[in-house]
Amino acid sequence: MFVAEGGIPARVAIVEPTGSGTQVVTVRAQDQNLTILLRERAALLPGDTINLAVSTADVHLFDAATGGRTEG
């Protein structure tokens, strides 16, 4: 996931700097808590609203019954 102009609106809950160019951000989006790793620093504060998008090339899906990775 990455911060984008359009996409899924999310409210920032926690911002954790994890190095000079990365940070872990916990957000609330569509009644779900999500934790994302941002590879660039963004000026985010708890309570901010951001929009998130997904790069399909970076998505990994898993079968809930087997725990194995699915293809596609």
N, C-alpha and C. Protein backbone atom coordinates (compact mmCIF):
# COMPACT_ATOMS: atom_id res chain seq x y z
N MET A 1 0.84 -1.17 0.00
CA MET A 1 0.00 0.00 0.00
C MET A 1 0.89 1.23 0.00
N PHE A 2 0.33 2.28 -0.55
CA PHE A 2 1.05 3.53 -0.56
C PHE A 2 0.06 4.69 -0.49
N VAL A 3 0.54 5.82 -0.04
CA VAL A 3 -0.30 7.02 0.04
C VAL A 3 -0.50 7.53 -1.38
N ALA A 4 -1.76 7.81 -1.74
CA ALA A 4 -2.09 8.23 -3.10
C ALA A 4 -3.10 9.36 -3.07
N GLU A 5 -3.25 10.05 -4.19
CA GLU A 5 -4.25 11.12 -4.30
C GLU A 5 -5.66 10.57 -4.16
N GLY A 6 -5.95 9.48 -4.83
CA GLY A 6 -7.26 8.84 -4.72
C GLY A 6 -7.08 7.55 -3.95
N GLY A 7 -8.12 6.79 -3.82
CA GLY A 7 -7.98 5.50 -3.14
C GLY A 7 -8.85 5.42 -1.92
N ILE A 8 -8.48 4.55 -1.02
CA ILE A 8 -9.26 4.26 0.18
C ILE A 8 -8.92 5.28 1.26
N PRO A 9 -9.92 6.03 1.76
CA PRO A 9 -9.63 6.96 2.85
C PRO A 9 -9.32 6.20 4.15
N ALA A 10 -8.33 6.68 4.87
CA ALA A 10 -7.91 6.05 6.13
C ALA A 10 -7.48 7.11 7.12
N ARG A 11 -7.79 6.88 8.39
CA ARG A 11 -7.40 7.81 9.45
C ARG A 11 -6.15 7.27 10.14
N VAL A 12 -5.12 8.10 10.24
CA VAL A 12 -3.86 7.72 10.87
C VAL A 12 -4.07 7.58 12.38
N ALA A 13 -3.61 6.46 12.93
CA ALA A 13 -3.69 6.23 14.37
C ALA A 13 -2.32 6.35 15.04
N ILE A 14 -1.32 5.71 14.44
CA ILE A 14 0.03 5.68 15.03
C ILE A 14 1.05 5.86 13.92
N VAL A 15 2.09 6.65 14.19
CA VAL A 15 3.21 6.81 13.25
C VAL A 15 4.48 6.42 14.00
N GLU A 16 5.22 5.44 13.45
CA GLU A 16 6.44 4.97 14.09
C GLU A 16 7.61 5.09 13.11
N PRO A 17 8.48 6.08 13.28
CA PRO A 17 9.68 6.16 12.43
C PRO A 17 10.55 4.93 12.68
N THR A 18 11.04 4.30 11.62
CA THR A 18 11.83 3.08 11.77
C THR A 18 13.20 3.18 11.09
N GLY A 19 13.59 4.35 10.73
CA GLY A 19 14.87 4.56 10.08
C GLY A 19 14.85 5.89 9.36
N SER A 20 15.93 6.18 8.67
CA SER A 20 16.04 7.50 8.04
C SER A 20 15.04 7.70 6.91
N GLY A 21 14.59 6.63 6.27
CA GLY A 21 13.69 6.79 5.14
C GLY A 21 12.43 5.97 5.20
N THR A 22 12.14 5.36 6.34
CA THR A 22 10.94 4.53 6.42
C THR A 22 10.16 4.84 7.69
N GLN A 23 8.90 4.48 7.65
CA GLN A 23 8.08 4.58 8.86
C GLN A 23 6.94 3.57 8.75
N VAL A 24 6.51 3.09 9.91
CA VAL A 24 5.37 2.20 10.00
C VAL A 24 4.19 3.03 10.47
N VAL A 25 3.08 2.90 9.75
CA VAL A 25 1.90 3.70 10.05
C VAL A 25 0.72 2.76 10.26
N THR A 26 0.02 2.94 11.36
CA THR A 26 -1.21 2.18 11.61
C THR A 26 -2.37 3.11 11.33
N VAL A 27 -3.31 2.61 10.51
CA VAL A 27 -4.46 3.41 10.11
C VAL A 27 -5.73 2.61 10.33
N ARG A 28 -6.84 3.32 10.30
CA ARG A 28 -8.17 2.70 10.36
C ARG A 28 -8.86 3.02 9.05
N ALA A 29 -9.22 1.98 8.29
CA ALA A 29 -9.87 2.17 6.99
C ALA A 29 -10.98 1.14 6.84
N GLN A 30 -12.16 1.59 6.50
CA GLN A 30 -13.30 0.71 6.28
C GLN A 30 -13.48 -0.29 7.42
N ASP A 31 -13.47 0.22 8.64
CA ASP A 31 -13.67 -0.58 9.86
C ASP A 31 -12.59 -1.64 10.09
N GLN A 32 -11.41 -1.45 9.51
CA GLN A 32 -10.29 -2.37 9.70
C GLN A 32 -9.06 -1.58 10.12
N ASN A 33 -8.27 -2.17 11.04
CA ASN A 33 -6.97 -1.60 11.36
C ASN A 33 -5.95 -2.18 10.40
N LEU A 34 -5.13 -1.33 9.81
CA LEU A 34 -4.08 -1.76 8.88
C LEU A 34 -2.76 -1.17 9.33
N THR A 35 -1.71 -1.94 9.23
CA THR A 35 -0.36 -1.44 9.50
C THR A 35 0.40 -1.51 8.19
N ILE A 36 0.95 -0.37 7.78
CA ILE A 36 1.65 -0.31 6.50
C ILE A 36 3.06 0.22 6.70
N LEU A 37 3.96 -0.20 5.84
CA LEU A 37 5.33 0.29 5.83
C LEU A 37 5.46 1.27 4.69
N LEU A 38 5.83 2.49 5.00
CA LEU A 38 6.07 3.49 3.97
C LEU A 38 7.58 3.60 3.75
N ARG A 39 8.00 3.52 2.53
CA ARG A 39 9.43 3.56 2.18
C ARG A 39 9.95 4.98 2.06
N GLU A 40 9.07 5.94 2.30
CA GLU A 40 9.50 7.34 2.32
C GLU A 40 8.86 8.01 3.52
N ARG A 41 9.48 9.04 4.01
CA ARG A 41 8.91 9.76 5.14
C ARG A 41 7.78 10.65 4.65
N ALA A 42 6.70 10.63 5.36
CA ALA A 42 5.56 11.51 5.08
C ALA A 42 5.26 12.27 6.36
N ALA A 43 4.86 13.50 6.24
CA ALA A 43 4.53 14.32 7.40
C ALA A 43 3.12 13.95 7.87
N LEU A 44 3.04 12.87 8.64
CA LEU A 44 1.75 12.36 9.11
C LEU A 44 1.67 12.47 10.63
N LEU A 45 0.47 12.78 11.08
CA LEU A 45 0.20 12.85 12.52
C LEU A 45 -1.06 12.04 12.83
N PRO A 46 -1.14 11.46 14.04
CA PRO A 46 -2.38 10.78 14.41
C PRO A 46 -3.58 11.71 14.22
N GLY A 47 -4.63 11.17 13.63
CA GLY A 47 -5.83 11.94 13.34
C GLY A 47 -5.91 12.43 11.91
N ASP A 48 -4.75 12.46 11.20
CA ASP A 48 -4.76 12.85 9.79
C ASP A 48 -5.55 11.84 8.96
N THR A 49 -6.16 12.31 7.89
CA THR A 49 -6.81 11.43 6.93
C THR A 49 -5.95 11.37 5.68
N ILE A 50 -5.64 10.15 5.24
CA ILE A 50 -4.86 9.94 4.02
C ILE A 50 -5.66 9.01 3.11
N ASN A 51 -5.23 8.90 1.87
CA ASN A 51 -5.81 7.95 0.94
C ASN A 51 -4.77 6.91 0.60
N LEU A 52 -5.19 5.63 0.58
CA LEU A 52 -4.28 4.52 0.31
C LEU A 52 -4.64 3.84 -1.00
N ALA A 53 -3.64 3.40 -1.72
CA ALA A 53 -3.83 2.63 -2.94
C ALA A 53 -2.96 1.37 -2.84
N VAL A 54 -3.27 0.40 -3.68
CA VAL A 54 -2.55 -0.87 -3.67
C VAL A 54 -1.92 -1.12 -5.03
N SER A 55 -0.68 -1.54 -5.02
CA SER A 55 -0.01 -1.98 -6.24
C SER A 55 -0.25 -3.48 -6.35
N THR A 56 -0.99 -3.91 -7.35
CA THR A 56 -1.31 -5.33 -7.48
C THR A 56 -0.06 -6.20 -7.64
N ALA A 57 1.02 -5.64 -8.12
CA ALA A 57 2.27 -6.40 -8.25
C ALA A 57 2.85 -6.75 -6.89
N ASP A 58 2.47 -6.03 -5.85
CA ASP A 58 3.03 -6.25 -4.52
C ASP A 58 2.09 -6.99 -3.58
N VAL A 59 0.96 -7.48 -4.08
CA VAL A 59 -0.04 -8.15 -3.24
C VAL A 59 0.24 -9.65 -3.20
N HIS A 60 0.18 -10.22 -2.00
CA HIS A 60 0.31 -11.66 -1.80
C HIS A 60 -0.96 -12.12 -1.10
N LEU A 61 -1.64 -13.10 -1.67
CA LEU A 61 -2.88 -13.62 -1.10
C LEU A 61 -2.65 -15.02 -0.54
N PHE A 62 -3.34 -15.31 0.56
CA PHE A 62 -3.19 -16.60 1.22
C PHE A 62 -4.54 -17.25 1.42
N ASP A 63 -4.59 -18.56 1.30
CA ASP A 63 -5.80 -19.34 1.51
C ASP A 63 -6.05 -19.44 3.01
N ALA A 64 -7.24 -19.03 3.46
CA ALA A 64 -7.56 -19.03 4.89
C ALA A 64 -7.58 -20.45 5.46
N ALA A 65 -7.97 -21.43 4.68
CA ALA A 65 -8.06 -22.81 5.17
C ALA A 65 -6.70 -23.47 5.31
N THR A 66 -5.82 -23.25 4.32
CA THR A 66 -4.53 -23.95 4.33
C THR A 66 -3.36 -23.08 4.79
N GLY A 67 -3.54 -21.77 4.69
CA GLY A 67 -2.45 -20.86 5.02
C GLY A 67 -1.45 -20.72 3.90
N GLY A 68 -1.64 -21.47 2.82
CA GLY A 68 -0.73 -21.43 1.68
C GLY A 68 -1.01 -20.23 0.77
N ARG A 69 0.00 -19.81 0.07
CA ARG A 69 -0.13 -18.70 -0.86
C ARG A 69 -0.93 -19.14 -2.09
N THR A 70 -1.83 -18.27 -2.55
CA THR A 70 -2.60 -18.56 -3.74
C THR A 70 -1.98 -17.85 -4.93
N GLU A 71 -2.21 -18.37 -6.10
CA GLU A 71 -1.72 -17.75 -7.33
C GLU A 71 -2.83 -16.89 -7.92
N GLY A 72 -2.45 -15.78 -8.52
CA GLY A 72 -3.44 -14.95 -9.20
C GLY A 72 -3.66 -13.71 -8.48
